[in-house]
Amino acid sequence: MSGKIAYNMMLKVKGVRIAATDKEKSCVRVIERFLNDIGVLHERMNFPIDISDVGRGFITSGKMKIEGTPYGLSVPFKEEGRLICVESPEDFKNIDIDFTSSIVMIKERPGHKLFPEIKKKKIKAIITCSRTDDRTSSLHLSSWMFRDNCIIPMIDIKYSDAVKLLEMKGKRVRIEGRGTTKKSTATSVTAMIKGSADTKETIYVMGHIDSVPFSPGASDNSGGLGIMSELISHFKKNPVKRNLVFCFFSGEEWGLWGSRYFVSANKERMKDANVGINIDVAGDIIGNNYCIVTGNDDICATARSIARFEGINMKISKDIYSSDNMPFSFHGVPTLNLFRAGGLPSAYVHTSDDRMEHVSSDGLSGIIDFSIKLISFVGNGSVNPLERKVDEATKKKIDDYFINRGISLDEITENLPYNKKKKN
């Protein structure tokens, strides 16, 4: 495949697309026009979400002024306190320091599961320098933190600025994060191409619409949206025996909200799901294509056979993947997660430099070709050729993935949007 349809879709949806904002709604309309033009049935799914319109952040002390990117869901804030520098999130538990009323600088973002413990330390704010290439990342906290009173003001700064800030250790600094945090409504779009056979069996293909604040989201994930559009165009003309459902999910960047709501509303249909194919991060001009199987070894072997037979460069392994596939695999649906990495766009994910000039149609074609062969193989088998099984070790990784983000297993696709008090 040329990737022309995919690349043209990327051009149409390019730009920052924060979930539940006007820019994302514009993207939804572009997707719907495309589906209408080629005659594919589709529907919207609206759902509530907590989002932030993030502005700039600043750290000041004396004549020093450093700019950074506030964490979503923590804005707006203005705090002042003594600067303490630690090297690891574990230092909050293992080092005997009085953190009361302090502002803490740390290299890496603490895991979400640790936030209740950090909150008890009564710190004022956290500063991170999550990258070493002198860019700042657009990061966010989680909705459950509102409910459990675990929101901590946070800002991400450049590595070189963090080095300068070390000079202020022990001194008072001021930190400000501009923006608004609010409840809103996001929109996912699902499209269906009915199979030629009389069956309920379904293959789900998914990718997320939204980008993080500040990021044009070319690789992450207009590349995925473009590839899905090319696949829809192909299979509209060349249907397979089984049903195909294409899910353009919103809210992935804020906690997989679109996919979690979708699976929650379609639990019974998950029993008829053969496999899920998630496309998230694509378009690098130079790079490698990857397939992470969240399932079992047999599916890995099948994916390798397809790639080798077709002569497609694809690095295949078994693991979990942090994207919209996770709610599906939690409910027993094996998923294959396709992405391309190794070039600038994937290196610039979640920054303002994830831009269209770093991608090409050639950077999309490998995943398009592999997806077509994979869907055709699974979709046309006399019986489902992929074992519908997620092995026990992978199930454990899936559970740990959600737990480490502060999400109880009974809240992954239940109790949405966290209306009830979290169980102790």
Protein backbone atom coordinates (compact mmCIF):
# COMPACT_ATOMS: atom_id res chain seq x y z
CA MET A 1 0.00 0.00 0.00
CA SER A 2 1.18 3.54 -0.70
CA GLY A 3 0.05 5.14 2.56
CA LYS A 4 -1.41 8.05 0.58
CA ILE A 5 -4.86 7.86 2.21
CA ALA A 6 -3.23 7.60 5.63
CA TYR A 7 -0.92 10.55 5.06
CA ASN A 8 -3.75 12.72 3.73
CA MET A 9 -5.81 11.96 6.83
CA MET A 10 -2.85 12.97 8.99
CA LEU A 11 -2.71 16.32 7.23
CA LYS A 12 -6.42 16.88 7.83
CA VAL A 13 -6.26 16.18 11.58
CA LYS A 14 -2.83 17.66 12.36
CA GLY A 15 -2.45 19.90 15.36
CA VAL A 16 -3.06 19.71 19.09
CA ARG A 17 -6.19 17.63 19.80
CA ILE A 18 -6.84 17.64 23.55
CA ALA A 19 -9.78 15.39 24.40
CA ALA A 20 -13.16 17.14 24.72
CA THR A 21 -11.94 20.41 23.18
CA ASP A 22 -13.08 22.16 19.99
CA LYS A 23 -9.95 20.98 18.16
CA GLU A 24 -10.73 17.37 18.95
CA LYS A 25 -14.35 17.85 17.92
CA SER A 26 -13.09 19.18 14.60
CA CYS A 27 -11.02 16.02 14.22
CA VAL A 28 -14.11 13.91 14.94
CA ARG A 29 -15.97 15.71 12.15
CA VAL A 30 -13.10 15.02 9.72
CA ILE A 31 -13.26 11.31 10.57
CA GLU A 32 -17.04 11.24 10.15
CA ARG A 33 -16.86 12.99 6.77
CA PHE A 34 -14.33 10.42 5.60
CA LEU A 35 -16.57 7.55 6.74
CA ASN A 36 -19.62 9.13 5.10
CA ASP A 37 -17.75 9.64 1.83
CA ILE A 38 -16.83 5.95 1.54
CA GLY A 39 -20.19 4.72 2.86
CA VAL A 40 -19.18 3.13 6.17
CA LEU A 41 -21.70 3.09 9.02
CA HIS A 42 -20.51 4.73 12.21
CA GLU A 43 -21.69 6.13 15.51
CA ARG A 44 -20.51 8.41 18.26
CA MET A 45 -19.97 7.53 21.89
CA ASN A 46 -19.90 10.49 24.29
CA PHE A 47 -18.51 10.14 27.80
CA PRO A 48 -17.53 12.40 30.73
CA ILE A 49 -13.87 13.19 31.33
CA ASP A 50 -11.65 15.37 33.49
CA ILE A 51 -9.27 17.43 31.35
CA SER A 52 -6.97 20.44 31.59
CA ASP A 53 -6.32 23.32 29.24
CA VAL A 54 -2.69 23.72 30.21
CA GLY A 55 -0.79 27.00 30.01
CA ARG A 56 2.84 27.68 30.82
CA GLY A 57 4.48 27.11 34.16
CA PHE A 58 7.19 29.07 35.91
CA ILE A 59 9.69 28.57 38.72
CA THR A 60 11.26 31.68 40.24
CA SER A 61 13.82 32.34 42.96
CA GLY A 62 15.58 35.67 43.22
CA LYS A 63 16.64 36.65 39.70
CA MET A 64 16.29 33.09 38.40
CA LYS A 65 13.21 32.32 36.28
CA ILE A 66 12.65 28.92 34.66
CA GLU A 67 9.82 28.02 32.32
CA GLY A 68 8.20 24.59 32.23
CA THR A 69 5.09 22.59 31.38
CA PRO A 70 2.54 22.07 34.18
CA TYR A 71 1.04 18.62 34.63
CA GLY A 72 -2.51 18.24 33.43
CA LEU A 73 -5.19 18.01 36.14
CA SER A 74 -2.97 19.91 38.60
CA VAL A 75 -3.52 23.43 37.19
CA PRO A 76 -3.97 26.17 38.18
CA PHE A 77 -1.57 26.50 41.11
CA LYS A 78 0.76 28.93 42.88
CA GLU A 79 2.98 27.55 45.62
CA GLU A 80 6.10 28.59 47.52
CA GLY A 81 8.43 26.51 49.64
CA ARG A 82 11.96 25.31 50.43
CA LEU A 83 13.54 23.36 47.56
CA ILE A 84 14.47 19.77 48.35
CA CYS A 85 16.16 17.59 45.71
CA VAL A 86 15.82 13.80 45.75
CA GLU A 87 16.98 11.21 43.23
CA SER A 88 14.29 8.54 43.35
CA PRO A 89 10.56 8.31 44.14
CA GLU A 90 11.52 5.74 46.75
CA ASP A 91 13.31 8.52 48.65
CA PHE A 92 9.90 9.76 49.77
CA LYS A 93 9.65 6.57 51.82
CA ASN A 94 13.26 5.64 52.57
CA ILE A 95 14.97 8.92 53.46
CA ASP A 96 14.33 10.57 56.82
CA ILE A 97 13.55 14.10 55.61
CA ASP A 98 10.86 16.48 56.77
CA PHE A 99 9.14 17.33 53.47
CA THR A 100 6.50 19.55 55.09
CA SER A 101 5.75 22.69 53.02
CA SER A 102 8.62 21.93 50.64
CA ILE A 103 8.88 21.87 46.85
CA VAL A 104 10.61 18.70 45.70
CA MET A 105 12.65 18.27 42.52
CA ILE A 106 13.09 14.74 41.21
CA LYS A 107 14.28 13.28 37.91
CA GLU A 108 11.46 10.84 37.27
CA ARG A 109 7.74 11.15 37.83
CA PRO A 110 6.61 9.08 40.84
CA GLY A 111 4.32 6.18 40.02
CA HIS A 112 0.67 7.00 40.53
CA LYS A 113 0.36 4.31 43.20
CA LEU A 114 2.82 6.25 45.35
CA PHE A 115 0.83 9.50 45.40
CA PRO A 116 -1.24 8.78 48.55
CA GLU A 117 2.04 8.19 50.42
CA ILE A 118 3.58 11.38 49.00
CA LYS A 119 0.47 13.39 49.85
CA LYS A 120 0.92 12.47 53.52
CA LYS A 121 4.33 14.19 53.47
CA LYS A 122 2.52 17.55 53.07
CA ILE A 123 4.76 18.78 50.27
CA LYS A 124 3.66 21.85 48.27
CA ALA A 125 4.65 20.78 44.74
CA ILE A 126 6.87 18.52 42.63
CA ILE A 127 9.28 19.49 39.84
CA THR A 128 10.45 16.87 37.33
CA CYS A 129 12.90 16.85 34.41
CA SER A 130 11.56 13.78 32.63
CA ARG A 131 13.80 14.02 29.54
CA THR A 132 17.53 14.54 28.93
CA ASP A 133 17.27 16.15 25.44
CA ASP A 134 16.33 19.58 26.83
CA ARG A 135 12.66 19.29 26.00
CA THR A 136 9.77 19.26 28.41
CA SER A 137 7.07 16.61 28.33
CA SER A 138 3.34 17.16 28.53
CA LEU A 139 2.27 14.87 31.37
CA HIS A 140 -0.80 14.53 33.57
CA LEU A 141 -2.16 13.17 36.80
CA SER A 142 -5.17 10.83 37.07
CA SER A 143 -8.87 11.45 37.65
CA TRP A 144 -8.99 9.16 40.69
CA MET A 145 -6.65 11.61 42.43
CA PHE A 146 -9.48 14.15 42.56
CA ARG A 147 -11.72 11.69 44.31
CA ASP A 148 -9.06 10.59 46.77
CA ASN A 149 -7.61 14.08 47.37
CA CYS A 150 -4.20 13.12 45.95
CA ILE A 151 -3.64 15.98 43.50
CA ILE A 152 -0.19 17.55 43.91
CA PRO A 153 0.87 20.60 41.83
CA MET A 154 3.53 19.46 39.35
CA ILE A 155 5.66 20.93 36.58
CA ASP A 156 8.14 19.43 34.10
CA ILE A 157 11.26 21.44 33.14
CA LYS A 158 14.27 21.08 30.84
CA TYR A 159 17.20 18.98 32.03
CA SER A 160 19.61 21.94 31.73
CA ASP A 161 17.25 24.09 33.79
CA ALA A 162 17.07 21.37 36.44
CA VAL A 163 20.87 21.49 36.69
CA LYS A 164 20.69 25.25 37.25
CA LEU A 165 17.94 24.82 39.82
CA LEU A 166 20.21 22.60 41.92
CA GLU A 167 21.96 25.82 42.95
CA MET A 168 18.79 26.82 44.80
CA LYS A 169 18.65 23.67 46.92
CA GLY A 170 17.57 24.57 50.45
CA LYS A 171 16.33 28.00 49.38
CA ARG A 172 12.77 29.20 48.85
CA VAL A 173 11.35 28.95 45.35
CA ARG A 174 8.00 29.89 43.87
CA ILE A 175 6.18 27.67 41.39
CA GLU A 176 3.21 28.57 39.21
CA GLY A 177 1.12 26.53 36.80
CA ARG A 178 -1.34 28.29 34.52
CA GLY A 179 -4.42 26.76 32.97
CA THR A 180 -7.83 25.38 33.87
CA THR A 181 -9.02 21.95 34.91
CA LYS A 182 -12.63 21.01 34.29
CA LYS A 183 -15.12 18.27 33.67
CA SER A 184 -16.16 17.94 30.05
CA THR A 185 -17.50 15.48 27.46
CA ALA A 186 -15.30 13.65 24.97
CA THR A 187 -16.34 11.78 21.84
CA SER A 188 -15.16 8.49 20.35
CA VAL A 189 -16.23 7.24 16.91
CA THR A 190 -16.78 3.58 16.01
CA ALA A 191 -17.23 2.33 12.45
CA MET A 192 -18.34 -1.15 11.36
CA ILE A 193 -17.77 -3.14 8.20
CA LYS A 194 -20.04 -6.16 8.37
CA GLY A 195 -18.46 -9.47 7.50
CA SER A 196 -19.53 -11.52 4.50
CA ALA A 197 -20.40 -14.48 6.76
CA ASP A 198 -23.34 -14.69 9.17
CA THR A 199 -21.35 -14.42 12.40
CA LYS A 200 -21.01 -12.39 15.59
CA GLU A 201 -17.24 -12.84 15.59
CA THR A 202 -15.50 -9.48 15.40
CA ILE A 203 -12.02 -8.07 14.92
CA TYR A 204 -11.47 -4.72 16.65
CA VAL A 205 -9.03 -2.18 15.20
CA MET A 206 -8.34 0.84 17.37
CA GLY A 207 -6.32 4.02 17.70
CA HIS A 208 -6.73 7.21 19.71
CA ILE A 209 -7.82 10.60 18.45
CA ASP A 210 -6.47 12.85 21.19
CA SER A 211 -3.04 14.33 21.73
CA VAL A 212 -1.50 15.74 24.88
CA PRO A 213 -1.47 19.51 25.51
CA PHE A 214 1.20 21.39 23.50
CA SER A 215 1.88 18.43 21.18
CA PRO A 216 0.68 18.38 17.54
CA GLY A 217 0.60 14.60 17.97
CA ALA A 218 1.81 13.67 14.46
CA SER A 219 3.28 10.33 15.44
CA ASP A 220 1.12 10.03 18.55
CA ASN A 221 -1.39 9.47 17.17
CA SER A 222 -2.47 11.01 13.88
CA GLY A 223 -0.25 8.30 12.35
CA GLY A 224 -2.54 5.68 13.86
CA LEU A 225 -5.66 7.54 12.70
CA GLY A 226 -4.27 7.72 9.19
CA ILE A 227 -3.44 4.02 9.07
CA MET A 228 -6.92 3.13 10.32
CA SER A 229 -8.44 5.26 7.55
CA GLU A 230 -6.42 3.40 4.92
CA LEU A 231 -7.47 0.06 6.40
CA ILE A 232 -11.14 1.07 6.41
CA SER A 233 -10.89 2.12 2.76
CA HIS A 234 -9.27 -1.20 1.83
CA PHE A 235 -11.69 -3.47 3.70
CA LYS A 236 -14.73 -1.54 2.57
CA LYS A 237 -13.78 -2.74 -0.93
CA ASN A 238 -12.45 -6.12 0.24
CA PRO A 239 -14.58 -7.33 3.19
CA VAL A 240 -13.55 -10.41 5.14
CA LYS A 241 -15.84 -13.08 6.61
CA ARG A 242 -15.78 -11.68 10.12
CA ASN A 243 -17.05 -8.29 11.26
CA LEU A 244 -14.60 -5.42 11.55
CA VAL A 245 -15.12 -2.64 14.09
CA PHE A 246 -12.80 0.36 13.91
CA CYS A 247 -12.62 2.39 17.11
CA PHE A 248 -11.36 5.98 17.05
CA PHE A 249 -11.03 6.47 20.79
CA SER A 250 -10.84 9.76 22.66
CA GLY A 251 -9.31 10.27 26.09
CA GLU A 252 -6.46 7.77 25.72
CA GLU A 253 -3.93 10.32 26.92
CA TRP A 254 -5.91 10.97 30.14
CA GLY A 255 -6.22 7.36 31.26
CA LEU A 256 -7.59 5.21 28.39
CA TRP A 257 -11.03 6.67 28.99
CA GLY A 258 -12.56 6.10 25.56
CA SER A 259 -11.59 2.44 25.41
CA ARG A 260 -12.57 1.82 29.02
CA TYR A 261 -16.04 3.28 28.46
CA PHE A 262 -16.43 1.34 25.21
CA VAL A 263 -15.50 -2.00 26.75
CA SER A 264 -17.69 -1.25 29.76
CA ALA A 265 -20.68 -0.71 27.47
CA ASN A 266 -19.90 -3.78 25.34
CA LYS A 267 -18.78 -6.47 27.77
CA GLU A 268 -21.03 -9.12 26.27
CA ARG A 269 -19.69 -8.36 22.80
CA MET A 270 -16.15 -8.96 24.05
CA LYS A 271 -16.99 -12.68 24.16
CA ASP A 272 -17.25 -12.59 20.35
CA ALA A 273 -14.03 -10.63 19.86
CA ASN A 274 -11.38 -12.62 18.00
CA VAL A 275 -8.57 -10.13 18.49
CA GLY A 276 -7.85 -6.44 18.95
CA ILE A 277 -5.34 -4.53 16.84
CA ASN A 278 -4.14 -1.28 18.38
CA ILE A 279 -2.19 1.26 16.30
CA ASP A 280 -0.49 3.91 18.39
CA VAL A 281 2.63 5.87 17.27
CA ALA A 282 3.52 5.71 13.58
CA GLY A 283 5.14 7.65 10.77
CA ASP A 284 8.89 7.80 11.51
CA ILE A 285 10.76 8.34 8.25
CA ILE A 286 13.61 6.19 9.56
CA GLY A 287 12.84 3.52 12.13
CA ASN A 288 11.56 0.02 12.79
CA ASN A 289 8.08 -1.47 12.90
CA TYR A 290 7.08 -3.25 16.10
CA CYS A 291 4.32 -5.63 17.13
CA ILE A 292 3.81 -6.17 20.85
CA VAL A 293 1.48 -9.12 21.46
CA THR A 294 -0.59 -8.88 24.63
CA GLY A 295 -1.77 -12.44 24.46
CA ASN A 296 0.21 -15.67 24.20
CA ASP A 297 3.20 -17.28 22.50
CA ASP A 298 1.14 -18.90 19.73
CA ILE A 299 -0.07 -15.49 18.55
CA CYS A 300 3.52 -14.24 18.52
CA ALA A 301 4.52 -17.19 16.36
CA THR A 302 1.63 -16.56 13.96
CA ALA A 303 2.47 -12.87 13.67
CA ARG A 304 6.11 -13.72 12.92
CA SER A 305 5.05 -16.19 10.23
CA ILE A 306 2.83 -13.61 8.53
CA ALA A 307 5.59 -10.97 8.60
CA ARG A 308 8.21 -13.36 7.23
CA PHE A 309 5.94 -14.79 4.54
CA GLU A 310 5.05 -11.30 3.32
CA GLY A 311 8.60 -9.97 3.66
CA ILE A 312 7.55 -7.21 6.07
CA ASN A 313 10.03 -5.78 8.58
CA MET A 314 8.34 -6.30 11.95
CA LYS A 315 9.96 -6.82 15.34
CA ILE A 316 7.57 -9.02 17.32
CA SER A 317 7.52 -9.78 21.05
CA LYS A 318 5.07 -10.57 23.85
CA ASP A 319 4.34 -7.96 26.51
CA ILE A 320 1.77 -5.39 27.60
CA TYR A 321 1.47 -2.02 25.87
CA SER A 322 0.26 1.17 27.52
CA SER A 323 -2.62 2.12 25.25
CA ASP A 324 -6.28 1.49 24.42
CA ASN A 325 -5.71 -2.25 24.02
CA MET A 326 -5.42 -2.71 27.78
CA PRO A 327 -9.16 -2.71 28.69
CA PHE A 328 -9.75 -5.27 25.90
CA SER A 329 -6.98 -7.58 27.07
CA PHE A 330 -8.13 -7.19 30.68
CA HIS A 331 -11.39 -8.79 29.50
CA GLY A 332 -9.56 -11.68 27.82
CA VAL A 333 -9.22 -10.34 24.26
CA PRO A 334 -5.70 -10.88 22.85
CA THR A 335 -4.34 -7.69 21.28
CA LEU A 336 -1.55 -6.87 18.87
CA ASN A 337 -0.07 -3.42 19.28
CA LEU A 338 1.55 -1.96 16.20
CA PHE A 339 3.87 1.04 16.24
CA ARG A 340 6.94 2.48 14.55
CA ALA A 341 9.89 3.89 16.47
CA GLY A 342 13.52 4.86 16.03
CA GLY A 343 13.14 8.25 14.35
CA LEU A 344 12.42 11.78 15.50
CA PRO A 345 8.61 11.72 15.89
CA SER A 346 8.56 8.73 18.24
CA ALA A 347 11.50 10.25 20.16
CA TYR A 348 9.52 13.49 20.46
CA VAL A 349 6.26 11.88 21.63
CA HIS A 350 4.42 14.08 24.17
CA THR A 351 6.47 17.15 23.23
CA SER A 352 5.82 20.15 20.98
CA ASP A 353 8.19 18.65 18.36
CA ASP A 354 6.01 15.67 17.39
CA ARG A 355 5.26 17.39 14.08
CA MET A 356 4.26 16.40 10.54
CA GLU A 357 7.57 17.38 8.95
CA HIS A 358 9.17 14.38 10.66
CA VAL A 359 6.78 11.78 9.17
CA SER A 360 6.22 10.34 5.69
CA SER A 361 3.85 7.98 3.90
CA ASP A 362 6.73 5.47 3.70
CA GLY A 363 6.83 5.54 7.50
CA LEU A 364 3.21 4.32 7.49
CA SER A 365 3.24 1.71 4.73
CA GLY A 366 4.88 -1.16 6.66
CA ILE A 367 2.23 -1.15 9.39
CA ILE A 368 -0.52 -0.78 6.76
CA ASP A 369 0.75 -3.79 4.81
CA PHE A 370 1.15 -5.95 7.92
CA SER A 371 -2.30 -4.96 9.23
CA ILE A 372 -3.99 -5.89 5.95
CA LYS A 373 -2.33 -9.32 5.90
CA LEU A 374 -3.08 -9.92 9.58
CA ILE A 375 -6.74 -8.87 9.35
CA SER A 376 -7.24 -10.89 6.16
CA PHE A 377 -5.71 -13.97 7.78
CA VAL A 378 -7.78 -13.75 10.96
CA GLY A 379 -10.90 -12.49 9.20
CA ASN A 380 -11.12 -15.18 6.52
CA GLY A 381 -10.20 -18.34 8.43
CA SER A 382 -12.78 -21.13 8.43
CA VAL A 383 -12.33 -20.95 12.21
CA ASN A 384 -10.57 -18.30 14.26
CA PRO A 385 -6.88 -19.00 13.51
CA LEU A 386 -5.67 -17.16 16.63
CA GLU A 387 -6.07 -18.77 20.03
CA ARG A 388 -8.32 -16.46 22.04
CA LYS A 389 -6.18 -16.60 25.14
CA VAL A 390 -4.15 -14.22 27.29
CA ASP A 391 -1.62 -16.30 29.23
CA GLU A 392 -1.36 -16.08 33.01
CA ALA A 393 1.95 -14.19 33.11
CA THR A 394 0.55 -11.54 30.78
CA LYS A 395 -2.68 -11.33 32.79
CA LYS A 396 -0.58 -10.57 35.86
CA LYS A 397 1.22 -7.78 33.98
CA ILE A 398 -2.12 -6.32 32.89
CA ASP A 399 -3.42 -6.31 36.47
CA ASP A 400 -0.20 -4.74 37.76
CA TYR A 401 -0.34 -2.08 35.03
CA PHE A 402 -3.67 -0.77 36.29
CA ILE A 403 -2.90 -1.21 39.99
CA ASN A 404 0.37 0.73 39.65
CA ARG A 405 -1.64 3.61 38.17
CA GLY A 406 -3.86 3.68 41.23
CA ILE A 407 -6.79 1.96 39.49
CA SER A 408 -8.48 -0.91 41.33
CA LEU A 409 -9.30 -3.93 39.17
CA ASP A 410 -13.01 -3.44 39.86
CA GLU A 411 -12.73 0.12 38.47
CA ILE A 412 -11.11 -0.54 35.09
CA THR A 413 -14.47 -0.79 33.34
CA GLU A 414 -16.73 -0.39 36.38
CA ASN A 415 -17.75 2.59 38.52
CA LEU A 416 -17.05 5.02 35.69
CA PRO A 417 -16.34 7.90 36.04
CA TYR A 418 -15.29 7.16 39.62
CA ASN A 419 -18.56 8.21 41.20
CA LYS A 420 -18.03 6.10 44.28
CA LYS A 421 -15.44 6.32 47.01
CA LYS A 422 -12.50 4.04 46.33
CA LYS A 423 -12.50 0.83 48.33
CA ASN A 424 -9.78 0.49 50.93
